[in-house]
C-alpha atoms as a PDB file:
ATOM      1  CA  UNK A   1     -26.394  -3.849 -54.138  1.00  0.00           C
ATOM      2  CA  UNK A   2     -24.761  -3.717 -57.517  1.00  0.00           C
ATOM      3  CA  UNK A   3     -22.319  -6.490 -58.403  1.00  0.00           C
ATOM      4  CA  UNK A   4     -19.908  -5.478 -61.118  1.00  0.00           C
ATOM      5  CA  UNK A   5     -18.598  -8.494 -62.981  1.00  0.00           C
ATOM      6  CA  UNK A   6     -15.570  -7.820 -65.180  1.00  0.00           C
ATOM      7  CA  UNK A   7     -14.210 -10.998 -66.733  1.00  0.00           C
ATOM      8  CA  UNK A   8     -10.558 -10.862 -67.701  1.00  0.00           C
ATOM      9  CA  UNK A   9     -10.332  -9.299 -71.145  1.00  0.00           C
ATOM     10  CA  UNK A  10     -14.097  -8.664 -71.196  1.00  0.00           C
ATOM     11  CA  UNK A  11     -16.509  -5.839 -70.675  1.00  0.00           C
ATOM     12  CA  UNK A  12     -17.935  -4.991 -67.257  1.00  0.00           C
ATOM     13  CA  UNK A  13     -21.412  -6.236 -66.522  1.00  0.00           C
ATOM     14  CA  UNK A  14     -23.588  -4.559 -63.891  1.00  0.00           C
ATOM     15  CA  UNK A  15     -25.750  -7.023 -61.972  1.00  0.00           C
ATOM     16  CA  UNK A  16     -28.424  -5.468 -59.760  1.00  0.00           C
ATOM     17  CA  UNK A  17     -28.820  -7.722 -56.730  1.00  0.00           C
ATOM     18  CA  UNK A  18     -30.749  -5.060 -54.823  1.00  0.00           C
ATOM     19  CA  UNK A  19     -34.161  -6.451 -55.673  1.00  0.00           C
ATOM     20  CA  UNK A  20     -34.681 -10.169 -56.194  1.00  0.00           C
ATOM     21  CA  UNK A  21     -37.815 -12.223 -56.689  1.00  0.00           C
ATOM     22  CA  UNK A  22     -38.701 -14.743 -53.988  1.00  0.00           C
ATOM     23  CA  UNK A  23     -37.939 -17.569 -56.424  1.00  0.00           C
ATOM     24  CA  UNK A  24     -34.473 -16.100 -57.089  1.00  0.00           C
ATOM     25  CA  UNK A  25     -33.799 -15.874 -53.355  1.00  0.00           C
ATOM     26  CA  UNK A  26     -34.854 -19.496 -52.940  1.00  0.00           C
ATOM     27  CA  UNK A  27     -32.533 -20.581 -55.773  1.00  0.00           C
ATOM     28  CA  UNK A  28     -29.661 -18.646 -54.162  1.00  0.00           C
ATOM     29  CA  UNK A  29     -30.381 -20.176 -50.742  1.00  0.00           C
ATOM     30  CA  UNK A  30     -30.433 -23.728 -52.153  1.00  0.00           C
ATOM     31  CA  UNK A  31     -27.313 -23.177 -54.257  1.00  0.00           C
ATOM     32  CA  UNK A  32     -25.217 -21.659 -51.462  1.00  0.00           C
ATOM     33  CA  UNK A  33     -26.841 -23.748 -48.711  1.00  0.00           C
ATOM     34  CA  UNK A  34     -27.249 -20.550 -46.705  1.00  0.00           C
ATOM     35  CA  UNK A  35     -30.306 -18.556 -45.596  1.00  0.00           C
ATOM     36  CA  UNK A  36     -31.119 -15.273 -47.318  1.00  0.00           C
ATOM     37  CA  UNK A  37     -30.040 -13.039 -44.417  1.00  0.00           C
ATOM     38  CA  UNK A  38     -26.586 -14.681 -44.443  1.00  0.00           C
ATOM     39  CA  UNK A  39     -26.273 -14.248 -48.224  1.00  0.00           C
ATOM     40  CA  UNK A  40     -27.370 -10.609 -48.059  1.00  0.00           C
ATOM     41  CA  UNK A  41     -24.899  -9.971 -45.237  1.00  0.00           C
ATOM     42  CA  UNK A  42     -22.222 -11.733 -47.269  1.00  0.00           C
ATOM     43  CA  UNK A  43     -22.543  -9.100 -49.979  1.00  0.00           C
ATOM     44  CA  UNK A  44     -21.760  -6.407 -47.416  1.00  0.00           C
ATOM     45  CA  UNK A  45     -18.901  -8.415 -45.922  1.00  0.00           C
ATOM     46  CA  UNK A  46     -17.324  -9.371 -49.266  1.00  0.00           C
ATOM     47  CA  UNK A  47     -18.044 -13.109 -48.912  1.00  0.00           C
ATOM     48  CA  UNK A  48     -17.097 -14.643 -52.267  1.00  0.00           C
ATOM     49  CA  UNK A  49     -19.691 -17.445 -52.012  1.00  0.00           C
ATOM     50  CA  UNK A  50     -22.510 -14.957 -51.480  1.00  0.00           C
ATOM     51  CA  UNK A  51     -21.267 -12.634 -54.212  1.00  0.00           C
ATOM     52  CA  UNK A  52     -20.760 -15.440 -56.753  1.00  0.00           C
ATOM     53  CA  UNK A  53     -24.116 -17.052 -55.983  1.00  0.00           C
ATOM     54  CA  UNK A  54     -26.079 -13.816 -56.217  1.00  0.00           C
ATOM     55  CA  UNK A  55     -24.224 -12.685 -59.343  1.00  0.00           C
ATOM     56  CA  UNK A  56     -25.081 -16.039 -60.957  1.00  0.00           C
ATOM     57  CA  UNK A  57     -28.755 -15.755 -59.976  1.00  0.00           C
ATOM     58  CA  UNK A  58     -28.976 -12.279 -61.528  1.00  0.00           C
ATOM     59  CA  UNK A  59     -27.068 -13.385 -64.659  1.00  0.00           C
ATOM     60  CA  UNK A  60     -29.614 -16.182 -65.143  1.00  0.00           C
ATOM     61  CA  UNK A  61     -32.195 -13.496 -65.959  1.00  0.00           C
ATOM     62  CA  UNK A  62     -30.463 -12.944 -69.289  1.00  0.00           C
ATOM     63  CA  UNK A  63     -28.759 -16.348 -69.600  1.00  0.00           C
ATOM     64  CA  UNK A  64     -31.355 -18.853 -68.311  1.00  0.00           C
ATOM     65  CA  UNK A  65     -29.261 -21.910 -69.217  1.00  0.00           C
ATOM     66  CA  UNK A  66     -26.155 -20.706 -67.330  1.00  0.00           C
ATOM     67  CA  UNK A  67     -25.071 -23.388 -64.877  1.00  0.00           C
ATOM     68  CA  UNK A  68     -23.550 -22.458 -61.525  1.00  0.00           C
ATOM     69  CA  UNK A  69     -20.484 -24.604 -62.212  1.00  0.00           C
ATOM     70  CA  UNK A  70     -19.938 -22.697 -65.472  1.00  0.00           C
ATOM     71  CA  UNK A  71     -19.951 -19.345 -63.664  1.00  0.00           C
ATOM     72  CA  UNK A  72     -16.643 -19.434 -61.821  1.00  0.00           C
ATOM     73  CA  UNK A  73     -15.087 -15.962 -61.991  1.00  0.00           C
ATOM     74  CA  UNK A  74     -11.800 -15.051 -60.390  1.00  0.00           C
ATOM     75  CA  UNK A  75     -12.367 -13.248 -57.089  1.00  0.00           C
ATOM     76  CA  UNK A  76     -11.038  -9.938 -58.411  1.00  0.00           C
ATOM     77  CA  UNK A  77     -13.598 -10.018 -61.245  1.00  0.00           C
ATOM     78  CA  UNK A  78     -16.468  -9.376 -58.824  1.00  0.00           C
ATOM     79  CA  UNK A  79     -16.902  -6.030 -57.041  1.00  0.00           C
ATOM     80  CA  UNK A  80     -19.867  -4.985 -54.880  1.00  0.00           C
ATOM     81  CA  UNK A  81     -21.114  -1.394 -54.838  1.00  0.00           C
ATOM     82  CA  UNK A  82     -24.009   0.368 -53.130  1.00  0.00           C
ATOM     83  CA  UNK A  83     -27.021   1.251 -55.246  1.00  0.00           C
ATOM     84  CA  UNK A  84     -28.555   4.754 -54.847  1.00  0.00           C
ATOM     85  CA  UNK A  85     -31.135   3.694 -52.226  1.00  0.00           C
ATOM     86  CA  UNK A  86     -28.481   1.967 -50.132  1.00  0.00           C
ATOM     87  CA  UNK A  87     -26.089   4.885 -50.522  1.00  0.00           C
ATOM     88  CA  UNK A  88     -28.666   7.245 -49.011  1.00  0.00           C
ATOM     89  CA  UNK A  89     -29.482   4.793 -46.203  1.00  0.00           C
ATOM     90  CA  UNK A  90     -25.809   4.314 -45.291  1.00  0.00           C
ATOM     91  CA  UNK A  91     -25.232   8.091 -45.350  1.00  0.00           C
ATOM     92  CA  UNK A  92     -28.025   8.571 -42.808  1.00  0.00           C
ATOM     93  CA  UNK A  93     -26.691   5.751 -40.601  1.00  0.00           C
ATOM     94  CA  UNK A  94     -23.131   7.088 -40.765  1.00  0.00           C
ATOM     95  CA  UNK A  95     -24.202  10.619 -39.919  1.00  0.00           C
ATOM     96  CA  UNK A  96     -26.158   9.327 -36.932  1.00  0.00           C
ATOM     97  CA  UNK A  97     -23.215   7.236 -35.762  1.00  0.00           C
ATOM     98  CA  UNK A  98     -20.271   9.576 -36.487  1.00  0.00           C
ATOM     99  CA  UNK A  99     -21.889  13.026 -36.668  1.00  0.00           C
ATOM    100  CA  UNK A 100     -20.466  13.995 -33.267  1.00  0.00           C
ATOM    101  CA  UNK A 101     -16.855  13.424 -34.436  1.00  0.00           C
ATOM    102  CA  UNK A 102     -15.801  15.367 -37.563  1.00  0.00           C
ATOM    103  CA  UNK A 103     -12.680  13.264 -38.143  1.00  0.00           C
ATOM    104  CA  UNK A 104     -14.545   9.964 -37.924  1.00  0.00           C
ATOM    105  CA  UNK A 105     -17.333  11.368 -40.091  1.00  0.00           C
ATOM    106  CA  UNK A 106     -14.873  12.530 -42.772  1.00  0.00           C
ATOM    107  CA  UNK A 107     -13.414   9.023 -42.885  1.00  0.00           C
ATOM    108  CA  UNK A 108     -16.871   7.479 -43.087  1.00  0.00           C
ATOM    109  CA  UNK A 109     -17.778   9.807 -45.973  1.00  0.00           C
ATOM    110  CA  UNK A 110     -14.605   8.774 -47.826  1.00  0.00           C
ATOM    111  CA  UNK A 111     -15.527   5.113 -47.377  1.00  0.00           C
ATOM    112  CA  UNK A 112     -19.080   5.804 -48.548  1.00  0.00           C
ATOM    113  CA  UNK A 113     -17.845   7.513 -51.719  1.00  0.00           C
ATOM    114  CA  UNK A 114     -15.661   4.500 -52.493  1.00  0.00           C
ATOM    115  CA  UNK A 115     -18.419   1.974 -51.731  1.00  0.00           C
ATOM    116  CA  UNK A 116     -21.100   3.779 -53.747  1.00  0.00           C
ATOM    117  CA  UNK A 117     -21.712   2.776 -57.320  1.00  0.00           C
ATOM    118  CA  UNK A 118     -21.983   6.470 -58.202  1.00  0.00           C
ATOM    119  CA  UNK A 119     -19.802   8.925 -56.220  1.00  0.00           C
ATOM    120  CA  UNK A 120     -22.110  11.796 -57.266  1.00  0.00           C
ATOM    121  CA  UNK A 121     -25.014  10.048 -55.532  1.00  0.00           C
ATOM    122  CA  UNK A 122     -22.808   9.578 -52.469  1.00  0.00           C
ATOM    123  CA  UNK A 123     -22.040  13.311 -52.472  1.00  0.00           C
ATOM    124  CA  UNK A 124     -25.758  14.120 -52.779  1.00  0.00           C
ATOM    125  CA  UNK A 125     -26.561  11.753 -49.886  1.00  0.00           C
ATOM    126  CA  UNK A 126     -23.828  13.358 -47.786  1.00  0.00           C
ATOM    127  CA  UNK A 127     -25.141  16.810 -48.613  1.00  0.00           C
ATOM    128  CA  UNK A 128     -28.626  15.757 -47.469  1.00  0.00           C
ATOM    129  CA  UNK A 129     -27.172  14.795 -44.103  1.00  0.00           C
ATOM    130  CA  UNK A 130     -24.817  17.696 -43.567  1.00  0.00           C
ATOM    131  CA  UNK A 131     -26.286  20.514 -45.601  1.00  0.00           C
ATOM    132  CA  UNK A 132     -22.792  21.181 -47.008  1.00  0.00           C
ATOM    133  CA  UNK A 133     -21.877  20.915 -50.683  1.00  0.00           C
ATOM    134  CA  UNK A 134     -19.406  18.097 -50.076  1.00  0.00           C
ATOM    135  CA  UNK A 135     -18.233  16.598 -46.809  1.00  0.00           C
ATOM    136  CA  UNK A 136     -14.469  16.763 -46.755  1.00  0.00           C
ATOM    137  CA  UNK A 137     -14.452  20.414 -47.811  1.00  0.00           C
ATOM    138  CA  UNK A 138     -14.417  23.471 -45.595  1.00  0.00           C
ATOM    139  CA  UNK A 139     -16.796  26.420 -45.898  1.00  0.00           C
ATOM    140  CA  UNK A 140     -14.783  27.813 -48.806  1.00  0.00           C
ATOM    141  CA  UNK A 141     -14.946  24.506 -50.675  1.00  0.00           C
ATOM    142  CA  UNK A 142     -11.248  23.752 -50.143  1.00  0.00           C
ATOM    143  CA  UNK A 143     -10.358  20.113 -49.611  1.00  0.00           C
ATOM    144  CA  UNK A 144      -9.727  19.079 -46.024  1.00  0.00           C
ATOM    145  CA  UNK A 145      -7.922  15.957 -44.917  1.00  0.00           C
ATOM    146  CA  UNK A 146     -10.005  12.839 -44.453  1.00  0.00           C
ATOM    147  CA  UNK A 147      -9.072  10.056 -42.087  1.00  0.00           C
ATOM    148  CA  UNK A 148     -10.093   6.488 -42.909  1.00  0.00           C
ATOM    149  CA  UNK A 149     -11.992   4.711 -40.173  1.00  0.00           C
ATOM    150  CA  UNK A 150     -11.737   1.222 -41.597  1.00  0.00           C
ATOM    151  CA  UNK A 151      -9.012   0.040 -39.234  1.00  0.00           C
ATOM    152  CA  UNK A 152     -10.269   1.795 -36.116  1.00  0.00           C
ATOM    153  CA  UNK A 153     -14.042   1.446 -36.335  1.00  0.00           C
ATOM    154  CA  UNK A 154     -15.947  -1.688 -35.462  1.00  0.00           C
ATOM    155  CA  UNK A 155     -17.960  -3.185 -38.298  1.00  0.00           C
ATOM    156  CA  UNK A 156     -21.685  -2.597 -37.999  1.00  0.00           C
ATOM    157  CA  UNK A 157     -24.605  -2.175 -40.351  1.00  0.00           C
ATOM    158  CA  UNK A 158     -23.535   1.459 -40.722  1.00  0.00           C
ATOM    159  CA  UNK A 159     -20.298   0.433 -42.408  1.00  0.00           C
ATOM    160  CA  UNK A 160     -20.402   0.379 -46.206  1.00  0.00           C
ATOM    161  CA  UNK A 161     -19.657  -2.927 -47.883  1.00  0.00           C
ATOM    162  CA  UNK A 162     -16.263  -4.215 -48.796  1.00  0.00           C
ATOM    163  CA  UNK A 163     -15.874  -3.214 -52.410  1.00  0.00           C
ATOM    164  CA  UNK A 164     -14.086  -6.311 -53.671  1.00  0.00           C
ATOM    165  CA  UNK A 165     -13.430  -9.854 -52.674  1.00  0.00           C
ATOM    166  CA  UNK A 166      -9.650  -9.472 -52.598  1.00  0.00           C
END
């Protein structure tokens, strides 16, 4: 997961929470008073405590003296996106889950593009699954309508993460 931290009036900072050292995970668990699997799931679910804690842990790599209490961003300053590996994994899970229903699949692809850190990687992952240049286009490449599944589909591990904490 990539956490994008954009302080008000500041430049965006990309924090890669996709690969943490065991010591960093332990620090995050102690700080949030939550086990690692709950924190990792919190990134996907948009849980502000998980996002803040993990963003702080990653920021400490470059700012070792940063105290947790000093890192108190507004909720809309933190956005979670899928890294390339996760984008490909979610594409495969979505195709397996929704591949039988073109409308549901089109909505899932739209959500994946929005959740991915890089929409071009999302399109490549979709192409791997479907063999088409871009899901959401017909054989001629013309745009087709896409239906969002966020309100109608149950949340599972095949659902991309919430992209912000708002």
